[in-house]
Structures are given as C-alpha cells and as structure tokens.
Amino acid sequence: MKQAFTFFFLIIPLLNGCDDGSYDYGLDRYYEEIVTVVESNVFLLDDGKTLFSTTGISKKIEEGERLLLHYTLLNNQTGSYDYTVRINGYASVTAGSLKALPQEDIISLKDDPVLFESLWIGSHFLNMQFYFNFHSETHSVGLVVDKLLLDADPIEIRFKHDTNNDLVGFPVHMYLSFDLKNVLGEPQQNKRIRIFVSTSNYGEKAYDLIY
C-alpha cells in the first residue's frame, strides 16, 4: 500500500534562473509565494488572483505545476490579469495529494521527524515548509487520512515521512504542496481539520485549520 500514496522528494535549489543581479527590487514591492502554473507566463495565486509575467522561465513548466515564485510587482496592468510582475527567481515545489487509506496501512507507515517551520491552507492546497536531513537516500512523504473517518470533526490527517534509513548528512529546506480537493472536496466549506506532524523541534504536533 505504501507506494500507492508516497511520492519522492526532489532536491532543487531555490530561486533558479531569472535574476541577473541587475534588478532594483525597491522597497516592499517584491514577494515570494507558492503559485500554480496556468501558462508559461501566467500564474495563479492561492487567493485566486492572477499574475502575468513580463519575463520568462528558463525551464519547461507544465500547466498545474506548483512553483515557489519570487517576483516584483510592476505598475502597469496587463489585460484581465490582476497583477503584472517580473520574475526574479523560482523553484519547483514538490506536490502530491491527500490519500484516504485504511487505518492499518496508516499505522504501518514511518513517522521520521522533520525540523518543522510552518503549514497553511491556500485554496485547496495544504502547503508546508520544513527542513530535513539528507545524505544520499531518496526520502518519501505522504499526507493520509483514515478513509472511515472522513465525517469526523475535526478530520484527523497525518503527515508521513520515511528517510529510507538515510545517513546523517546536511539540512535541506523544503516546501511541499498537497492537494486536498480529491478527498475533502472544494475548499471554504468550514471543515475543521487537524494535521499531525512528527517534528524534531516540537515532538508530535497537531495543527488545527479550517478548510
């Protein structure tokens, strides 16, 4: 059952590509947010606003891909888009989806801790930010819920992390983005959810959110 829900970390340096060092960012006009790719130069923020970029991205990107985008707001507005921006840098965000599994399968999954920073709901995504210790083995992660307890209040969801017995190496800063819609439906239904995360800095933590 494990391979039915896990997906692999991609170790990718943050803020690739676009910045040649000559830009003046000014004051309070540049941002760093997780976005969804609509087209090669159009991006959707989790609040529903759209960005039109005057600069391209050097790698091929697919519709629906999640990116961590560093951008500067420009004064002009293009067409029907909410904001015109210049991209200063970007990184791919590892993405997956919530999976509903039998309780016995959830219990069997490893709970290796991560150095946790934050999590938040954006549209139908649960976004996470943390560090994990990486040496050479591929880690796997998943977000799971008991398929018989989807009507509970709150709905208990667990973040699972398997180091694959990796050796002690160096800390890697990671963003993840999980799509909740396939299991929980559309957002803004005021469902209470509780996310359990095994952390090296706080022990097992429970985070209460509204979806």
N, C-alpha and C. Protein backbone atom coordinates (compact mmCIF):
# COMPACT_ATOMS: atom_id res chain seq x y z
N MET A 1 0.82 -1.22 0.00
CA MET A 1 0.00 0.00 0.00
C MET A 1 0.85 1.27 0.00
N LYS A 2 2.05 1.16 0.51
CA LYS A 2 2.86 2.36 0.67
C LYS A 2 3.08 3.10 -0.64
N GLN A 3 3.41 2.39 -1.69
CA GLN A 3 3.68 3.06 -2.95
C GLN A 3 2.45 3.69 -3.58
N ALA A 4 1.27 3.39 -3.02
CA ALA A 4 0.05 3.97 -3.57
C ALA A 4 -0.10 5.44 -3.21
N PHE A 5 0.62 5.87 -2.16
CA PHE A 5 0.42 7.27 -1.78
C PHE A 5 1.70 8.06 -1.70
N THR A 6 2.86 7.42 -1.59
CA THR A 6 4.08 8.18 -1.41
C THR A 6 4.55 8.80 -2.72
N PHE A 7 5.33 9.87 -2.58
CA PHE A 7 5.99 10.44 -3.75
C PHE A 7 7.35 10.91 -3.31
N PHE A 8 8.26 11.10 -4.24
CA PHE A 8 9.65 11.33 -3.89
C PHE A 8 9.97 12.81 -3.79
N PHE A 9 10.83 13.11 -2.83
CA PHE A 9 11.36 14.46 -2.76
C PHE A 9 12.20 14.76 -4.00
N LEU A 10 12.13 15.98 -4.46
CA LEU A 10 13.03 16.48 -5.48
C LEU A 10 13.92 17.53 -4.84
N ILE A 11 15.19 17.30 -4.82
CA ILE A 11 16.10 18.24 -4.18
C ILE A 11 16.48 19.30 -5.20
N ILE A 12 15.89 20.47 -5.12
CA ILE A 12 16.06 21.51 -6.13
C ILE A 12 16.47 22.82 -5.45
N PRO A 13 17.55 23.47 -5.89
CA PRO A 13 17.92 24.75 -5.30
C PRO A 13 16.81 25.78 -5.48
N LEU A 14 16.62 26.61 -4.47
CA LEU A 14 15.60 27.64 -4.56
C LEU A 14 16.05 28.78 -5.45
N LEU A 15 15.06 29.45 -6.02
CA LEU A 15 15.25 30.68 -6.78
C LEU A 15 16.26 30.51 -7.92
N ASN A 16 15.89 29.67 -8.85
CA ASN A 16 16.71 29.45 -10.03
C ASN A 16 16.52 30.56 -11.05
N GLY A 17 17.53 30.76 -11.84
CA GLY A 17 17.35 31.20 -13.20
C GLY A 17 17.18 32.61 -13.63
N CYS A 18 16.21 33.37 -13.09
CA CYS A 18 15.79 34.57 -13.80
C CYS A 18 16.57 35.83 -13.45
N ASP A 19 17.16 35.87 -12.28
CA ASP A 19 17.74 37.11 -11.80
C ASP A 19 19.19 37.24 -12.28
N ASP A 20 19.49 38.31 -13.02
CA ASP A 20 20.87 38.51 -13.47
C ASP A 20 21.64 39.45 -12.56
N GLY A 21 21.02 39.87 -11.43
CA GLY A 21 21.70 40.72 -10.46
C GLY A 21 21.58 42.19 -10.74
N SER A 22 20.97 42.58 -11.84
CA SER A 22 20.91 43.99 -12.20
C SER A 22 19.62 44.67 -11.78
N TYR A 23 18.65 43.91 -11.24
CA TYR A 23 17.37 44.50 -10.90
C TYR A 23 17.43 45.26 -9.58
N ASP A 24 16.69 46.35 -9.52
CA ASP A 24 16.50 47.07 -8.27
C ASP A 24 15.15 46.66 -7.72
N TYR A 25 15.14 45.92 -6.60
CA TYR A 25 13.88 45.43 -6.06
C TYR A 25 13.06 46.53 -5.40
N GLY A 26 13.67 47.65 -5.05
CA GLY A 26 12.94 48.72 -4.38
C GLY A 26 12.55 48.31 -2.98
N LEU A 27 11.52 48.98 -2.43
CA LEU A 27 11.09 48.70 -1.07
C LEU A 27 9.67 48.14 -1.09
N ASP A 28 9.48 46.99 -0.43
CA ASP A 28 8.15 46.42 -0.21
C ASP A 28 7.40 46.14 -1.51
N ARG A 29 8.09 45.79 -2.56
CA ARG A 29 7.40 45.54 -3.82
C ARG A 29 7.71 44.15 -4.38
N TYR A 30 8.49 43.36 -3.68
CA TYR A 30 8.76 42.02 -4.17
C TYR A 30 8.23 40.98 -3.18
N TYR A 31 7.85 39.83 -3.72
CA TYR A 31 7.13 38.82 -2.95
C TYR A 31 7.66 37.44 -3.28
N GLU A 32 7.42 36.50 -2.37
CA GLU A 32 7.77 35.10 -2.59
C GLU A 32 6.59 34.26 -2.16
N GLU A 33 5.93 33.60 -3.12
CA GLU A 33 4.72 32.85 -2.83
C GLU A 33 4.68 31.58 -3.67
N ILE A 34 3.92 30.60 -3.18
CA ILE A 34 3.66 29.40 -3.96
C ILE A 34 2.51 29.68 -4.91
N VAL A 35 2.71 29.35 -6.18
CA VAL A 35 1.71 29.61 -7.22
C VAL A 35 1.48 28.34 -8.03
N THR A 36 0.38 28.35 -8.80
CA THR A 36 0.08 27.27 -9.75
C THR A 36 0.27 27.79 -11.16
N VAL A 37 0.97 27.02 -12.00
CA VAL A 37 1.20 27.42 -13.38
C VAL A 37 -0.10 27.29 -14.18
N VAL A 38 -0.50 28.38 -14.86
CA VAL A 38 -1.62 28.36 -15.78
C VAL A 38 -1.10 28.25 -17.22
N GLU A 39 -0.18 29.13 -17.57
CA GLU A 39 0.55 29.09 -18.83
C GLU A 39 2.00 29.44 -18.53
N SER A 40 2.83 29.51 -19.54
CA SER A 40 4.27 29.74 -19.32
C SER A 40 4.55 31.07 -18.65
N ASN A 41 3.66 32.04 -18.83
CA ASN A 41 3.88 33.34 -18.20
C ASN A 41 2.65 33.82 -17.42
N VAL A 42 1.76 32.89 -17.06
CA VAL A 42 0.58 33.22 -16.26
C VAL A 42 0.52 32.27 -15.07
N PHE A 43 0.30 32.84 -13.88
CA PHE A 43 0.35 32.06 -12.65
C PHE A 43 -0.84 32.42 -11.77
N LEU A 44 -1.33 31.44 -11.05
CA LEU A 44 -2.49 31.62 -10.18
C LEU A 44 -2.05 31.57 -8.73
N LEU A 45 -2.33 32.65 -7.99
CA LEU A 45 -2.09 32.66 -6.56
C LEU A 45 -3.17 31.84 -5.85
N ASP A 46 -2.88 31.39 -4.65
CA ASP A 46 -3.85 30.57 -3.92
C ASP A 46 -5.08 31.37 -3.50
N ASP A 47 -5.00 32.70 -3.52
CA ASP A 47 -6.18 33.51 -3.21
C ASP A 47 -7.05 33.78 -4.43
N GLY A 48 -6.68 33.18 -5.58
CA GLY A 48 -7.47 33.32 -6.79
C GLY A 48 -7.02 34.43 -7.72
N LYS A 49 -6.09 35.28 -7.30
CA LYS A 49 -5.58 36.36 -8.15
C LYS A 49 -4.60 35.79 -9.18
N THR A 50 -4.52 36.46 -10.33
CA THR A 50 -3.65 36.00 -11.40
C THR A 50 -2.47 36.95 -11.61
N LEU A 51 -1.32 36.37 -11.95
CA LEU A 51 -0.10 37.11 -12.25
C LEU A 51 0.24 36.93 -13.73
N PHE A 52 0.54 38.03 -14.40
CA PHE A 52 1.07 37.96 -15.76
C PHE A 52 2.53 38.40 -15.71
N SER A 53 3.42 37.56 -16.21
CA SER A 53 4.84 37.83 -16.11
C SER A 53 5.39 38.40 -17.41
N THR A 54 6.19 39.45 -17.29
CA THR A 54 6.86 40.03 -18.45
C THR A 54 8.18 39.33 -18.74
N THR A 55 8.62 38.46 -17.85
CA THR A 55 9.85 37.70 -18.04
C THR A 55 9.53 36.22 -18.07
N GLY A 56 10.31 35.46 -18.80
CA GLY A 56 10.05 34.04 -18.93
C GLY A 56 10.77 33.22 -17.88
N ILE A 57 10.54 31.93 -17.94
CA ILE A 57 11.21 30.96 -17.07
C ILE A 57 12.06 30.07 -17.96
N SER A 58 13.27 29.79 -17.54
CA SER A 58 14.24 29.13 -18.41
C SER A 58 14.00 27.65 -18.61
N LYS A 59 13.17 27.03 -17.76
CA LYS A 59 12.92 25.61 -17.94
C LYS A 59 11.48 25.39 -18.38
N LYS A 60 11.21 24.22 -18.94
CA LYS A 60 9.86 23.88 -19.35
C LYS A 60 9.00 23.66 -18.13
N ILE A 61 7.85 24.32 -18.09
CA ILE A 61 6.93 24.13 -16.99
C ILE A 61 5.58 23.68 -17.53
N GLU A 62 4.88 22.88 -16.73
CA GLU A 62 3.62 22.29 -17.16
C GLU A 62 2.45 22.96 -16.46
N GLU A 63 1.31 22.99 -17.13
CA GLU A 63 0.09 23.51 -16.51
C GLU A 63 -0.22 22.70 -15.25
N GLY A 64 -0.55 23.40 -14.17
CA GLY A 64 -0.85 22.75 -12.91
C GLY A 64 0.34 22.55 -12.00
N GLU A 65 1.56 22.76 -12.51
CA GLU A 65 2.76 22.63 -11.69
C GLU A 65 2.77 23.69 -10.60
N ARG A 66 3.31 23.34 -9.44
CA ARG A 66 3.42 24.29 -8.34
C ARG A 66 4.85 24.83 -8.31
N LEU A 67 4.97 26.16 -8.16
CA LEU A 67 6.26 26.82 -8.10
C LEU A 67 6.32 27.75 -6.90
N LEU A 68 7.50 27.89 -6.33
CA LEU A 68 7.79 28.96 -5.39
C LEU A 68 8.34 30.11 -6.23
N LEU A 69 7.58 31.19 -6.32
CA LEU A 69 7.89 32.28 -7.24
C LEU A 69 8.32 33.52 -6.48
N HIS A 70 9.49 34.04 -6.84
CA HIS A 70 9.96 35.32 -6.31
C HIS A 70 9.74 36.36 -7.42
N TYR A 71 8.91 37.37 -7.12
CA TYR A 71 8.53 38.31 -8.19
C TYR A 71 8.42 39.73 -7.67
N THR A 72 8.52 40.66 -8.59
CA THR A 72 8.36 42.09 -8.30
C THR A 72 7.10 42.60 -8.98
N LEU A 73 6.26 43.31 -8.24
CA LEU A 73 5.07 43.92 -8.82
C LEU A 73 5.47 45.10 -9.69
N LEU A 74 4.88 45.18 -10.87
CA LEU A 74 5.09 46.31 -11.77
C LEU A 74 3.88 47.23 -11.73
N ASN A 75 4.06 48.46 -12.18
CA ASN A 75 2.99 49.46 -12.06
C ASN A 75 1.85 49.24 -13.05
N ASN A 76 2.17 48.69 -14.21
CA ASN A 76 1.13 48.53 -15.23
C ASN A 76 0.31 47.27 -15.02
N GLN A 77 -0.90 47.23 -15.58
CA GLN A 77 -1.74 46.04 -15.54
C GLN A 77 -1.94 45.55 -16.97
N THR A 78 -1.87 44.22 -17.17
CA THR A 78 -1.97 43.64 -18.50
C THR A 78 -3.30 42.90 -18.65
N GLY A 79 -4.15 43.34 -19.58
CA GLY A 79 -5.40 42.65 -19.87
C GLY A 79 -6.25 42.46 -18.64
N SER A 80 -6.79 41.24 -18.49
CA SER A 80 -7.68 40.93 -17.37
C SER A 80 -6.96 40.36 -16.17
N TYR A 81 -5.63 40.29 -16.23
CA TYR A 81 -4.87 39.74 -15.11
C TYR A 81 -4.83 40.73 -13.96
N ASP A 82 -4.74 40.21 -12.74
CA ASP A 82 -4.79 41.08 -11.56
C ASP A 82 -3.50 41.87 -11.37
N TYR A 83 -2.36 41.24 -11.67
CA TYR A 83 -1.08 41.91 -11.46
C TYR A 83 -0.14 41.60 -12.62
N THR A 84 0.65 42.58 -13.00
CA THR A 84 1.77 42.37 -13.91
C THR A 84 3.03 42.32 -13.08
N VAL A 85 3.88 41.32 -13.33
CA VAL A 85 5.04 41.11 -12.47
C VAL A 85 6.27 40.82 -13.31
N ARG A 86 7.42 40.96 -12.69
CA ARG A 86 8.68 40.50 -13.26
C ARG A 86 9.19 39.38 -12.36
N ILE A 87 9.51 38.22 -12.92
CA ILE A 87 10.00 37.09 -12.14
C ILE A 87 11.49 37.28 -11.87
N ASN A 88 11.86 37.23 -10.60
CA ASN A 88 13.26 37.35 -10.20
C ASN A 88 13.90 35.99 -9.98
N GLY A 89 13.11 34.99 -9.63
CA GLY A 89 13.62 33.65 -9.37
C GLY A 89 12.46 32.71 -9.10
N TYR A 90 12.74 31.42 -9.08
CA TYR A 90 11.69 30.43 -8.90
C TYR A 90 12.31 29.10 -8.49
N ALA A 91 11.48 28.21 -7.97
CA ALA A 91 11.88 26.84 -7.70
C ALA A 91 10.65 25.96 -7.81
N SER A 92 10.82 24.75 -8.27
CA SER A 92 9.72 23.80 -8.29
C SER A 92 9.35 23.41 -6.86
N VAL A 93 8.07 23.23 -6.61
CA VAL A 93 7.58 22.79 -5.31
C VAL A 93 7.08 21.35 -5.48
N THR A 94 7.62 20.44 -4.68
CA THR A 94 7.16 19.06 -4.72
C THR A 94 5.69 19.01 -4.34
N ALA A 95 4.88 18.35 -5.15
CA ALA A 95 3.44 18.36 -4.94
C ALA A 95 2.89 16.93 -4.93
N GLY A 96 1.85 16.74 -4.15
CA GLY A 96 1.15 15.47 -4.09
C GLY A 96 -0.29 15.71 -3.71
N SER A 97 -0.95 14.70 -3.23
CA SER A 97 -2.35 14.85 -2.86
C SER A 97 -2.65 14.01 -1.62
N LEU A 98 -3.67 14.43 -0.88
CA LEU A 98 -4.14 13.69 0.28
C LEU A 98 -4.69 12.34 -0.18
N LYS A 99 -4.37 11.28 0.58
CA LYS A 99 -4.85 9.94 0.26
C LYS A 99 -5.64 9.38 1.45
N ALA A 100 -6.79 8.79 1.16
CA ALA A 100 -7.60 8.12 2.17
C ALA A 100 -7.25 6.63 2.18
N LEU A 101 -6.78 6.12 3.32
CA LEU A 101 -6.28 4.75 3.43
C LEU A 101 -6.92 4.05 4.63
N PRO A 102 -6.89 2.72 4.66
CA PRO A 102 -7.31 2.00 5.87
C PRO A 102 -6.40 2.34 7.04
N GLN A 103 -6.95 2.29 8.24
CA GLN A 103 -6.18 2.67 9.43
C GLN A 103 -4.93 1.81 9.59
N GLU A 104 -5.03 0.50 9.30
CA GLU A 104 -3.88 -0.37 9.50
C GLU A 104 -2.72 0.00 8.58
N ASP A 105 -3.02 0.50 7.39
CA ASP A 105 -1.96 0.94 6.50
C ASP A 105 -1.30 2.22 7.00
N ILE A 106 -2.11 3.11 7.56
CA ILE A 106 -1.56 4.36 8.10
C ILE A 106 -0.63 4.08 9.26
N ILE A 107 -1.03 3.18 10.15
CA ILE A 107 -0.22 2.84 11.32
C ILE A 107 1.12 2.25 10.91
N SER A 108 1.16 1.52 9.80
CA SER A 108 2.39 0.85 9.38
C SER A 108 3.41 1.81 8.76
N LEU A 109 3.00 3.03 8.44
CA LEU A 109 3.90 3.97 7.76
C LEU A 109 4.84 4.64 8.76
N LYS A 110 6.05 4.93 8.32
CA LYS A 110 7.04 5.54 9.21
C LYS A 110 6.72 7.01 9.45
N ASP A 111 7.15 7.47 10.64
CA ASP A 111 6.92 8.85 11.08
C ASP A 111 8.26 9.51 11.41
N ASP A 112 9.22 9.46 10.52
CA ASP A 112 10.50 10.09 10.80
C ASP A 112 10.32 11.60 10.90
N PRO A 113 10.89 12.22 11.94
CA PRO A 113 10.61 13.64 12.18
C PRO A 113 11.32 14.56 11.18
N VAL A 114 10.76 15.76 11.05
CA VAL A 114 11.36 16.84 10.28
C VAL A 114 11.51 18.05 11.19
N LEU A 115 12.44 18.94 10.84
CA LEU A 115 12.58 20.21 11.57
C LEU A 115 11.54 21.16 11.00
N PHE A 116 10.47 21.33 11.74
CA PHE A 116 9.27 21.95 11.18
C PHE A 116 9.29 23.47 11.31
N GLU A 117 8.77 24.14 10.25
CA GLU A 117 8.65 25.60 10.27
C GLU A 117 7.20 26.05 10.24
N SER A 118 6.43 25.68 9.21
CA SER A 118 5.07 26.20 9.13
C SER A 118 4.23 25.37 8.18
N LEU A 119 2.89 25.49 8.32
CA LEU A 119 1.96 24.97 7.33
C LEU A 119 0.78 25.91 7.23
N TRP A 120 0.12 25.91 6.07
CA TRP A 120 -1.02 26.80 5.88
C TRP A 120 -1.88 26.29 4.73
N ILE A 121 -3.15 26.68 4.77
CA ILE A 121 -4.10 26.35 3.72
C ILE A 121 -4.10 27.48 2.70
N GLY A 122 -4.01 27.13 1.43
CA GLY A 122 -4.16 28.09 0.34
C GLY A 122 -5.03 27.48 -0.73
N SER A 123 -6.24 28.02 -0.90
CA SER A 123 -7.21 27.43 -1.83
C SER A 123 -7.44 25.98 -1.42
N HIS A 124 -7.26 25.00 -2.32
CA HIS A 124 -7.47 23.60 -1.97
C HIS A 124 -6.15 22.88 -1.71
N PHE A 125 -5.12 23.63 -1.33
CA PHE A 125 -3.81 23.05 -1.05
C PHE A 125 -3.44 23.22 0.42
N LEU A 126 -2.79 22.20 0.96
CA LEU A 126 -2.08 22.34 2.22
C LEU A 126 -0.61 22.51 1.88
N ASN A 127 -0.05 23.65 2.25
CA ASN A 127 1.36 23.95 1.98
C ASN A 127 2.17 23.80 3.26
N MET A 128 3.38 23.27 3.13
CA MET A 128 4.25 23.03 4.28
C MET A 128 5.66 23.52 3.98
N GLN A 129 6.34 23.92 5.06
CA GLN A 129 7.73 24.37 4.96
C GLN A 129 8.51 23.78 6.14
N PHE A 130 9.63 23.12 5.85
CA PHE A 130 10.41 22.49 6.91
C PHE A 130 11.81 22.17 6.40
N TYR A 131 12.66 21.68 7.29
CA TYR A 131 13.98 21.16 6.94
C TYR A 131 14.00 19.65 7.21
N PHE A 132 14.74 18.91 6.40
CA PHE A 132 15.01 17.51 6.71
C PHE A 132 16.48 17.23 6.44
N ASN A 133 17.00 16.21 7.10
CA ASN A 133 18.41 15.88 6.99
C ASN A 133 18.61 14.89 5.86
N PHE A 134 19.43 15.27 4.88
CA PHE A 134 19.62 14.46 3.68
C PHE A 134 21.09 14.10 3.50
N HIS A 135 21.32 12.83 3.16
CA HIS A 135 22.68 12.40 2.83
C HIS A 135 22.74 11.87 1.40
N SER A 136 22.09 10.73 1.15
CA SER A 136 22.19 10.15 -0.19
C SER A 136 20.96 9.35 -0.60
N GLU A 137 20.14 8.92 0.36
CA GLU A 137 18.97 8.10 0.04
C GLU A 137 17.76 8.98 -0.28
N THR A 138 16.89 8.48 -1.17
CA THR A 138 15.67 9.19 -1.51
C THR A 138 14.64 9.05 -0.40
N HIS A 139 14.15 10.19 0.10
CA HIS A 139 13.11 10.19 1.12
C HIS A 139 11.75 10.13 0.44
N SER A 140 10.74 9.65 1.17
CA SER A 140 9.37 9.70 0.65
C SER A 140 8.44 10.27 1.71
N VAL A 141 7.37 10.87 1.25
CA VAL A 141 6.42 11.53 2.15
C VAL A 141 5.00 11.25 1.67
N GLY A 142 4.04 11.47 2.54
CA GLY A 142 2.65 11.34 2.18
C GLY A 142 1.77 12.08 3.17
N LEU A 143 0.58 12.40 2.76
CA LEU A 143 -0.43 13.01 3.61
C LEU A 143 -1.63 12.08 3.56
N VAL A 144 -2.02 11.53 4.72
CA VAL A 144 -3.00 10.45 4.73
C VAL A 144 -4.09 10.71 5.76
N VAL A 145 -5.26 10.12 5.48
CA VAL A 145 -6.40 10.21 6.38
C VAL A 145 -7.09 8.86 6.39
N ASP A 146 -7.64 8.49 7.56
CA ASP A 146 -8.40 7.25 7.68
C ASP A 146 -9.67 7.37 6.83
N LYS A 147 -9.85 6.46 5.89
CA LYS A 147 -10.96 6.59 4.94
C LYS A 147 -12.32 6.36 5.59
N LEU A 148 -12.33 5.79 6.81
CA LEU A 148 -13.58 5.58 7.53
C LEU A 148 -13.94 6.74 8.45
N LEU A 149 -13.05 7.74 8.54
CA LEU A 149 -13.27 8.84 9.49
C LEU A 149 -13.34 10.19 8.79
N LEU A 150 -13.83 10.21 7.56
CA LEU A 150 -13.89 11.46 6.81
C LEU A 150 -15.03 12.36 7.28
N ASP A 151 -15.93 11.83 8.09
CA ASP A 151 -17.03 12.64 8.64
C ASP A 151 -16.74 13.09 10.06
N ALA A 152 -15.53 12.82 10.56
CA ALA A 152 -15.20 13.23 11.93
C ALA A 152 -15.07 14.75 12.01
N ASP A 153 -15.11 15.28 13.22
CA ASP A 153 -14.95 16.71 13.45
C ASP A 153 -14.06 16.89 14.68
N PRO A 154 -12.78 17.25 14.49
CA PRO A 154 -12.14 17.55 13.20
C PRO A 154 -11.72 16.27 12.46
N ILE A 155 -11.43 16.41 11.18
CA ILE A 155 -10.89 15.32 10.39
C ILE A 155 -9.39 15.24 10.67
N GLU A 156 -8.92 14.09 11.13
CA GLU A 156 -7.52 13.94 11.52
C GLU A 156 -6.70 13.45 10.33
N ILE A 157 -5.68 14.23 9.99
CA ILE A 157 -4.82 13.97 8.83
C ILE A 157 -3.39 13.86 9.32
N ARG A 158 -2.63 12.94 8.78
CA ARG A 158 -1.26 12.72 9.25
C ARG A 158 -0.25 12.90 8.11
N PHE A 159 0.80 13.63 8.43
CA PHE A 159 1.94 13.77 7.52
C PHE A 159 2.92 12.67 7.83
N LYS A 160 3.32 11.91 6.81
CA LYS A 160 4.23 10.79 6.99
C LYS A 160 5.53 11.05 6.23
N HIS A 161 6.65 10.73 6.86
CA HIS A 161 7.97 10.94 6.27
C HIS A 161 8.82 9.71 6.54
N ASP A 162 9.42 9.17 5.49
CA ASP A 162 10.29 8.00 5.58
C ASP A 162 11.66 8.38 5.03
N THR A 163 12.70 8.32 5.89
CA THR A 163 14.05 8.67 5.47
C THR A 163 14.71 7.57 4.64
N ASN A 164 14.09 6.38 4.59
CA ASN A 164 14.69 5.24 3.89
C ASN A 164 16.07 4.91 4.48
N ASN A 165 16.15 5.10 5.82
CA ASN A 165 17.39 4.82 6.56
C ASN A 165 18.57 5.64 6.05
N ASP A 166 18.30 6.85 5.63
CA ASP A 166 19.36 7.74 5.17
C ASP A 166 20.32 8.06 6.30
N LEU A 167 21.58 8.25 5.98
CA LEU A 167 22.59 8.63 6.96
C LEU A 167 22.47 10.12 7.29
N VAL A 168 23.09 10.52 8.38
CA VAL A 168 23.14 11.93 8.73
C VAL A 168 23.94 12.69 7.68
N GLY A 169 23.37 13.73 7.15
CA GLY A 169 24.05 14.49 6.10
C GLY A 169 23.99 15.97 6.36
N PHE A 170 23.16 16.69 5.58
CA PHE A 170 23.07 18.14 5.73
C PHE A 170 21.60 18.55 5.65
N PRO A 171 21.22 19.66 6.28
CA PRO A 171 19.82 20.09 6.27
C PRO A 171 19.42 20.65 4.92
N VAL A 172 18.24 20.25 4.44
CA VAL A 172 17.67 20.73 3.19
C VAL A 172 16.36 21.44 3.50
N HIS A 173 16.23 22.65 3.00
CA HIS A 173 14.99 23.42 3.18
C HIS A 173 13.99 22.98 2.12
N MET A 174 12.76 22.67 2.54
CA MET A 174 11.79 22.07 1.64
C MET A 174 10.42 22.73 1.74
N TYR A 175 9.79 22.92 0.58
CA TYR A 175 8.38 23.28 0.51
C TYR A 175 7.63 22.10 -0.11
N LEU A 176 6.45 21.81 0.44
CA LEU A 176 5.56 20.80 -0.13
C LEU A 176 4.18 21.40 -0.32
N SER A 177 3.43 20.85 -1.26
CA SER A 177 2.08 21.33 -1.51
C SER A 177 1.19 20.11 -1.79
N PHE A 178 0.21 19.88 -0.92
CA PHE A 178 -0.69 18.74 -1.06
C PHE A 178 -2.08 19.22 -1.50
N ASP A 179 -2.61 18.60 -2.53
CA ASP A 179 -3.97 18.90 -2.99
C ASP A 179 -4.95 18.13 -2.11
N LEU A 180 -5.88 18.85 -1.46
CA LEU A 180 -6.86 18.23 -0.57
C LEU A 180 -8.19 17.95 -1.26
N LYS A 181 -8.40 18.53 -2.42
CA LYS A 181 -9.72 18.55 -3.04
C LYS A 181 -10.22 17.17 -3.40
N ASN A 182 -9.31 16.26 -3.81
CA ASN A 182 -9.74 14.95 -4.26
C ASN A 182 -10.41 14.14 -3.16
N VAL A 183 -10.09 14.43 -1.89
CA VAL A 183 -10.68 13.72 -0.75
C VAL A 183 -11.68 14.59 0.01
N LEU A 184 -11.36 15.85 0.24
CA LEU A 184 -12.19 16.72 1.08
C LEU A 184 -13.16 17.58 0.29
N GLY A 185 -13.08 17.55 -1.04
CA GLY A 185 -13.96 18.37 -1.85
C GLY A 185 -13.44 19.79 -1.98
N GLU A 186 -14.29 20.67 -2.45
CA GLU A 186 -13.91 22.06 -2.65
C GLU A 186 -13.66 22.75 -1.31
N PRO A 187 -12.77 23.76 -1.28
CA PRO A 187 -12.49 24.47 -0.03
C PRO A 187 -13.64 25.40 0.36
N GLN A 188 -13.44 26.09 1.48
CA GLN A 188 -14.39 27.06 2.02
C GLN A 188 -15.70 26.42 2.45
N GLN A 189 -15.62 25.18 2.93
CA GLN A 189 -16.79 24.51 3.49
C GLN A 189 -16.75 24.52 5.02
N ASN A 190 -15.75 25.23 5.58
CA ASN A 190 -15.61 25.35 7.03
C ASN A 190 -15.45 24.01 7.73
N LYS A 191 -14.78 23.07 7.02
CA LYS A 191 -14.45 21.81 7.67
C LYS A 191 -13.25 22.02 8.59
N ARG A 192 -13.35 21.49 9.79
CA ARG A 192 -12.21 21.54 10.71
C ARG A 192 -11.31 20.34 10.43
N ILE A 193 -10.02 20.61 10.23
CA ILE A 193 -9.06 19.53 10.03
C ILE A 193 -7.92 19.70 11.02
N ARG A 194 -7.35 18.59 11.43
CA ARG A 194 -6.23 18.59 12.38
C ARG A 194 -5.08 17.82 11.73
N ILE A 195 -3.96 18.51 11.52
CA ILE A 195 -2.80 17.93 10.86
C ILE A 195 -1.78 17.51 11.92
N PHE A 196 -1.40 16.24 11.94
CA PHE A 196 -0.39 15.73 12.85
C PHE A 196 0.94 15.61 12.11
N VAL A 197 1.99 16.18 12.72
CA VAL A 197 3.33 16.17 12.13
C VAL A 197 4.33 15.76 13.20
N SER A 198 5.17 14.78 12.91
CA SER A 198 6.26 14.40 13.80
C SER A 198 7.45 15.31 13.54
N THR A 199 7.85 16.08 14.56
CA THR A 199 8.91 17.06 14.38
C THR A 199 10.07 16.80 15.33
N SER A 200 11.25 17.21 14.91
CA SER A 200 12.43 17.08 15.76
C SER A 200 12.57 18.25 16.73
N ASN A 201 11.84 19.34 16.48
CA ASN A 201 11.95 20.51 17.34
C ASN A 201 10.79 20.66 18.32
N TYR A 202 9.63 20.04 18.02
CA TYR A 202 8.47 20.19 18.91
C TYR A 202 7.86 18.86 19.33
N GLY A 203 8.42 17.72 18.92
CA GLY A 203 7.76 16.45 19.14
C GLY A 203 6.59 16.30 18.17
N GLU A 204 5.63 15.45 18.49
CA GLU A 204 4.46 15.34 17.63
C GLU A 204 3.55 16.55 17.87
N LYS A 205 3.26 17.26 16.82
CA LYS A 205 2.44 18.47 16.92
C LYS A 205 1.16 18.29 16.13
N ALA A 206 0.08 18.89 16.65
CA ALA A 206 -1.20 18.90 15.97
C ALA A 206 -1.55 20.34 15.62
N TYR A 207 -1.90 20.57 14.36
CA TYR A 207 -2.21 21.91 13.88
C TYR A 207 -3.65 21.94 13.39
N ASP A 208 -4.46 22.80 14.00
CA ASP A 208 -5.88 22.92 13.66
C ASP A 208 -6.09 23.99 12.61
N LEU A 209 -6.76 23.61 11.52
CA LEU A 209 -7.01 24.52 10.41
C LEU A 209 -8.46 24.40 9.97
N ILE A 210 -8.92 25.38 9.23
CA ILE A 210 -10.25 25.34 8.63
C ILE A 210 -10.08 25.23 7.13
N TYR A 211 -10.78 24.25 6.54
CA TYR A 211 -10.70 24.04 5.10
C TYR A 211 -12.02 24.48 4.45
